[in-house]
Amino acid sequence: MNPFKKCRTLALVVCWALAARGFVLLPSGALQPPRASTWSGPSRIRLVDPRLFAGFGKAAKAKKAPKFNGKVSMERHMKSFMKLRAGDWSNVADVYVKGENSEKFYFVGKATGGETCAPEVSVSVQKRIILEHSKLLQSELRLSKTLQLWTAPANTEVTVAQHKQSLSKVETCKDEGLIARALSGPQVGFEPEQYTNEGKGFYVRLQDDGTPEEGTEFTPNFVTPGELDEMDLGENVDKVLVTDADDELKAAGDGPRQVIPTRGQM
């Protein structure tokens, strides 16, 4: 910039600032102090930092949060589950999701908090990926306006199906510090239930509080897939294909089994 123009601009800014404070520049070059005013109300003059006119002092633009990538996040949490799961499954919980106004509690996977938090708390921490995954499994959950998370002790699918094990509703974790620590790495993990045929998904019908109705306990029959095909079952009987059996089911024999309720519906 031309030095002369720069000095003239600076002089104008100084004069503007003095005028804003009530000073008057006399022809002789002297400054006359502001006159006393009888106005008792608020001043109409608002001082503005001249630097703002040069583009300084503008508010910084808020940074956008990174876009959620469900596939990448799920892969990371699946790897963490394998690494963090205790050998005796003591730090793992079975996870169920229930839709609004539904009596069906769908099994959607297993969660662990490793050494960072209780498995039930880890479900709340991983709420986003768990619920998004549940919507991929079942259209009923995908269409539901609200979804609830529930848990049961690890590897109790058969006991839950027998109405001998209640479910516990997951409380929302509000500890922001814990959530940040748990998701760094992450230090929590999730093993999703996987199938493409909705009819093969496991669910159990329970009361709104996660408990079975009194007197609805039953003992399932374990049969091979071939034996199942030969059985004449009524339309009101729900069949559950168990492909990832727990210790109780494995004790009944090797290989996949079908769980068939002896009475009522699951």
Protein backbone atom coordinates (compact mmCIF):
# COMPACT_ATOMS: atom_id res chain seq x y z
CA MET A 1 0.00 0.00 0.00
CA ASN A 2 1.15 3.56 -0.71
CA PRO A 3 2.65 4.99 2.53
CA PHE A 4 0.62 8.17 2.09
CA LYS A 5 -2.66 6.26 1.70
CA LYS A 6 -1.77 4.08 4.70
CA CYS A 7 -1.17 7.15 6.92
CA ARG A 8 -4.39 8.78 5.70
CA THR A 9 -6.39 5.63 6.49
CA LEU A 10 -4.86 5.45 9.98
CA ALA A 11 -5.65 9.14 10.58
CA LEU A 12 -9.28 8.61 9.59
CA VAL A 13 -9.59 5.67 11.97
CA VAL A 14 -8.13 7.77 14.83
CA CYS A 15 -10.49 10.64 14.09
CA TRP A 16 -13.43 8.27 13.96
CA ALA A 17 -12.47 6.74 17.32
CA LEU A 18 -12.11 10.19 18.97
CA ALA A 19 -15.41 11.39 17.52
CA ALA A 20 -17.11 8.28 18.86
CA ARG A 21 -15.98 9.31 22.34
CA GLY A 22 -17.32 12.87 22.01
CA PHE A 23 -14.09 14.75 21.23
CA VAL A 24 -14.17 17.59 18.70
CA LEU A 25 -11.20 18.43 16.47
CA LEU A 26 -10.77 22.22 16.32
CA PRO A 27 -9.35 24.02 13.26
CA SER A 28 -6.19 24.78 15.26
CA GLY A 29 -5.58 21.03 15.63
CA ALA A 30 -6.43 20.97 19.33
CA LEU A 31 -8.93 18.57 20.80
CA GLN A 32 -11.96 19.85 22.65
CA PRO A 33 -13.15 17.49 25.41
CA PRO A 34 -16.69 16.18 25.14
CA ARG A 35 -19.37 18.54 26.44
CA ALA A 36 -21.50 17.65 29.42
CA SER A 37 -24.86 16.31 28.35
CA THR A 38 -28.18 16.41 30.10
CA TRP A 39 -29.11 13.09 28.47
CA SER A 40 -29.43 10.46 31.18
CA GLY A 41 -30.47 7.57 28.98
CA PRO A 42 -28.22 4.94 27.41
CA SER A 43 -25.71 6.06 24.83
CA ARG A 44 -26.54 5.40 21.20
CA ILE A 45 -22.87 5.16 20.26
CA ARG A 46 -21.51 1.64 20.06
CA LEU A 47 -17.74 1.33 19.82
CA VAL A 48 -16.48 -1.26 17.39
CA ASP A 49 -12.94 -2.52 17.25
CA PRO A 50 -11.47 -1.07 14.01
CA ARG A 51 -9.63 -4.35 13.45
CA LEU A 52 -12.94 -5.94 12.49
CA PHE A 53 -13.04 -3.79 9.36
CA ALA A 54 -9.81 -5.39 8.19
CA GLY A 55 -11.17 -8.92 8.60
CA PHE A 56 -9.60 -9.61 12.00
CA GLY A 57 -11.50 -11.04 14.95
CA LYS A 58 -14.03 -13.11 12.97
CA ALA A 59 -15.51 -16.08 14.79
CA ALA A 60 -13.90 -19.37 13.82
CA LYS A 61 -16.12 -21.76 11.90
CA ALA A 62 -17.27 -24.75 13.91
CA LYS A 63 -15.65 -27.98 12.80
CA LYS A 64 -18.04 -30.63 11.55
CA ALA A 65 -18.00 -33.98 13.32
CA PRO A 66 -16.65 -36.80 11.16
CA LYS A 67 -19.36 -38.72 9.31
CA PHE A 68 -20.37 -41.95 11.00
CA ASN A 69 -19.19 -45.01 9.08
CA GLY A 70 -21.20 -47.95 10.35
CA LYS A 71 -19.22 -50.65 8.57
CA VAL A 72 -15.83 -49.42 9.79
CA SER A 73 -17.12 -48.87 13.33
CA MET A 74 -18.64 -52.34 13.47
CA GLU A 75 -15.42 -53.99 12.30
CA ARG A 76 -13.44 -52.14 14.97
CA HIS A 77 -15.87 -53.16 17.73
CA MET A 78 -15.94 -56.77 16.54
CA LYS A 79 -12.14 -56.96 16.74
CA SER A 80 -12.23 -55.40 20.20
CA PHE A 81 -14.77 -57.97 21.35
CA MET A 82 -12.47 -60.84 20.45
CA LYS A 83 -9.58 -59.15 22.21
CA LEU A 84 -11.42 -58.00 25.35
CA ARG A 85 -13.73 -60.95 26.03
CA ALA A 86 -12.77 -62.91 29.13
CA GLY A 87 -12.13 -66.61 28.71
CA ASP A 88 -15.00 -67.44 31.07
CA TRP A 89 -17.32 -64.87 29.44
CA SER A 90 -17.71 -63.11 32.79
CA ASN A 91 -17.43 -59.65 31.22
CA VAL A 92 -19.98 -60.32 28.46
CA ALA A 93 -23.74 -59.75 28.21
CA ASP A 94 -26.26 -61.00 25.67
CA VAL A 95 -28.02 -58.08 23.98
CA TYR A 96 -31.69 -57.86 22.99
CA VAL A 97 -33.61 -55.08 21.26
CA LYS A 98 -37.33 -54.43 21.65
CA GLY A 99 -39.48 -52.25 19.41
CA GLU A 100 -42.19 -49.86 20.50
CA ASN A 101 -45.43 -51.54 21.61
CA SER A 102 -43.99 -54.97 20.85
CA GLU A 103 -43.72 -58.05 23.02
CA LYS A 104 -40.85 -59.44 20.96
CA PHE A 105 -37.31 -59.09 22.32
CA TYR A 106 -34.86 -59.82 19.49
CA PHE A 107 -31.43 -61.23 20.24
CA VAL A 108 -28.92 -59.08 18.30
CA GLY A 109 -25.50 -60.03 19.68
CA LYS A 110 -23.12 -59.94 22.64
CA ALA A 111 -21.26 -57.02 24.22
CA THR A 112 -18.26 -56.64 26.51
CA GLY A 113 -16.83 -53.75 28.46
CA GLY A 114 -13.44 -55.40 28.90
CA GLU A 115 -11.84 -53.92 32.00
CA THR A 116 -13.27 -50.45 31.35
CA CYS A 117 -16.89 -50.92 32.41
CA ALA A 118 -19.58 -53.49 33.16
CA PRO A 119 -20.96 -55.31 30.12
CA GLU A 120 -24.39 -53.73 30.65
CA VAL A 121 -22.80 -50.27 30.59
CA SER A 122 -20.88 -51.15 27.43
CA VAL A 123 -24.21 -51.80 25.71
CA SER A 124 -25.26 -48.21 26.40
CA VAL A 125 -21.87 -46.91 25.26
CA GLN A 126 -22.19 -48.86 21.98
CA LYS A 127 -25.85 -47.95 21.56
CA ARG A 128 -25.46 -46.46 18.10
CA ILE A 129 -23.86 -49.41 16.33
CA ILE A 130 -26.04 -51.94 18.18
CA LEU A 131 -29.31 -50.27 17.22
CA GLU A 132 -28.19 -49.67 13.64
CA HIS A 133 -27.27 -53.35 13.37
CA SER A 134 -30.61 -54.46 14.84
CA LYS A 135 -32.43 -52.52 12.12
CA LEU A 136 -30.53 -54.47 9.48
CA LEU A 137 -31.63 -57.76 11.04
CA GLN A 138 -35.36 -57.16 11.44
CA SER A 139 -37.77 -54.95 9.52
CA GLU A 140 -39.97 -54.69 12.62
CA LEU A 141 -37.13 -52.93 14.44
CA ARG A 142 -36.32 -50.84 11.40
CA LEU A 143 -39.89 -49.50 11.26
CA SER A 144 -40.21 -48.88 15.00
CA LYS A 145 -40.07 -45.23 16.13
CA THR A 146 -38.29 -46.07 19.38
CA LEU A 147 -36.07 -48.98 20.37
CA GLN A 148 -35.07 -50.33 23.77
CA LEU A 149 -31.91 -52.17 24.76
CA TRP A 150 -32.07 -55.14 27.11
CA THR A 151 -29.49 -57.61 28.40
CA ALA A 152 -29.18 -61.09 29.87
CA PRO A 153 -26.19 -62.98 31.29
CA ALA A 154 -23.80 -64.26 28.63
CA ASN A 155 -24.79 -67.37 26.67
CA THR A 156 -28.25 -67.77 28.17
CA GLU A 157 -30.23 -67.84 24.93
CA VAL A 158 -31.68 -71.28 25.70
CA THR A 159 -32.62 -70.35 29.27
CA VAL A 160 -34.25 -67.14 28.01
CA ALA A 161 -36.16 -69.14 25.40
CA GLN A 162 -37.41 -71.45 28.17
CA HIS A 163 -38.77 -68.41 30.05
CA LYS A 164 -36.45 -69.24 32.93
CA GLN A 165 -34.30 -66.10 32.59
CA SER A 166 -35.57 -62.51 32.68
CA LEU A 167 -34.03 -59.59 30.79
CA SER A 168 -32.78 -56.32 32.29
CA LYS A 169 -33.38 -52.94 30.66
CA VAL A 170 -30.23 -50.97 29.84
CA GLU A 171 -29.93 -47.62 31.57
CA THR A 172 -28.43 -44.73 29.60
CA CYS A 173 -24.81 -44.01 30.54
CA LYS A 174 -24.40 -40.29 31.28
CA ASP A 175 -20.72 -40.36 32.27
CA GLU A 176 -19.17 -38.48 29.34
CA GLY A 177 -15.65 -39.19 30.59
CA LEU A 178 -16.30 -42.93 30.73
CA ILE A 179 -17.90 -42.90 27.28
CA ALA A 180 -14.88 -41.10 25.82
CA ARG A 181 -12.46 -43.58 27.38
CA ALA A 182 -14.52 -46.59 26.34
CA LEU A 183 -14.79 -45.49 22.72
CA SER A 184 -11.10 -44.65 22.40
CA GLY A 185 -9.53 -47.69 20.84
CA PRO A 186 -12.30 -48.78 21.44
CA GLN A 187 -12.09 -50.32 24.92
CA VAL A 188 -15.49 -52.00 24.47
CA GLY A 189 -16.61 -54.59 21.95
CA PHE A 190 -19.65 -56.05 20.23
CA GLU A 191 -20.20 -59.39 18.50
CA PRO A 192 -23.26 -59.01 16.23
CA GLU A 193 -25.79 -61.72 15.48
CA GLN A 194 -25.72 -62.32 11.73
CA TYR A 195 -28.29 -63.73 9.33
CA THR A 196 -30.02 -62.63 6.14
CA ASN A 197 -33.34 -64.44 6.60
CA GLU A 198 -35.47 -62.61 9.17
CA GLY A 199 -37.34 -65.83 9.88
CA LYS A 200 -34.21 -67.35 11.38
CA GLY A 201 -33.77 -64.59 13.93
CA PHE A 202 -34.15 -65.50 17.58
CA TYR A 203 -36.64 -63.57 19.69
CA VAL A 204 -38.59 -64.22 22.85
CA ARG A 205 -42.00 -62.92 23.89
CA LEU A 206 -41.93 -61.34 27.33
CA GLN A 207 -43.83 -58.78 29.36
CA ASP A 208 -42.94 -55.09 29.12
CA ASP A 209 -40.63 -55.38 32.15
CA GLY A 210 -38.59 -58.17 30.54
CA THR A 211 -40.05 -60.96 32.66
CA PRO A 212 -41.97 -64.02 31.39
CA GLU A 213 -45.58 -64.48 32.35
CA GLU A 214 -46.08 -66.73 35.34
CA GLY A 215 -46.51 -70.36 34.43
CA THR A 216 -45.05 -70.07 30.91
CA GLU A 217 -41.79 -71.91 31.54
CA PHE A 218 -41.16 -74.88 29.30
CA THR A 219 -38.45 -77.32 28.31
CA PRO A 220 -37.53 -77.47 24.61
CA ASN A 221 -36.90 -80.62 22.63
CA PHE A 222 -33.55 -80.84 20.85
CA VAL A 223 -33.77 -82.49 17.45
CA THR A 224 -31.68 -82.59 14.31
CA PRO A 225 -32.74 -80.57 11.24
CA GLY A 226 -33.74 -83.83 9.53
CA GLU A 227 -35.98 -84.84 12.41
CA LEU A 228 -37.54 -81.42 12.41
CA ASP A 229 -38.57 -81.70 8.76
CA GLU A 230 -40.46 -84.91 9.56
CA MET A 231 -42.39 -83.32 12.42
CA ASP A 232 -45.88 -81.93 11.79
CA LEU A 233 -45.81 -78.67 13.70
CA GLY A 234 -48.69 -76.27 14.10
CA GLU A 235 -48.52 -72.79 12.62
CA ASN A 236 -48.59 -71.27 16.10
CA VAL A 237 -45.22 -72.78 17.03
CA ASP A 238 -42.14 -70.59 16.57
CA LYS A 239 -38.95 -72.34 15.49
CA VAL A 240 -35.51 -71.02 16.33
CA LEU A 241 -32.41 -72.20 14.50
CA VAL A 242 -29.48 -72.14 16.87
CA THR A 243 -26.21 -71.99 14.94
CA ASP A 244 -23.96 -70.50 17.61
CA ALA A 245 -24.88 -72.70 20.55
CA ASP A 246 -23.83 -72.01 24.11
CA ASP A 247 -22.48 -74.56 26.56
CA GLU A 248 -25.93 -75.83 27.51
CA LEU A 249 -26.83 -76.61 23.92
CA LYS A 250 -23.45 -78.14 23.12
CA ALA A 251 -23.92 -80.55 26.02
CA ALA A 252 -26.97 -81.93 24.24
CA GLY A 253 -24.90 -83.08 21.28
CA ASP A 254 -22.61 -81.98 18.48
CA GLY A 255 -23.68 -79.94 15.48
CA PRO A 256 -26.50 -77.43 14.91
CA ARG A 257 -29.82 -78.08 16.58
CA GLN A 258 -33.37 -76.78 16.33
CA VAL A 259 -35.04 -75.51 19.49
CA ILE A 260 -38.68 -76.55 19.55
CA PRO A 261 -41.02 -75.32 22.32
CA THR A 262 -43.06 -78.15 23.82
CA ARG A 263 -46.05 -75.85 24.38
CA GLY A 264 -47.07 -72.30 23.71
CA GLN A 265 -45.14 -69.72 21.73
CA MET A 266 -41.76 -68.16 22.40
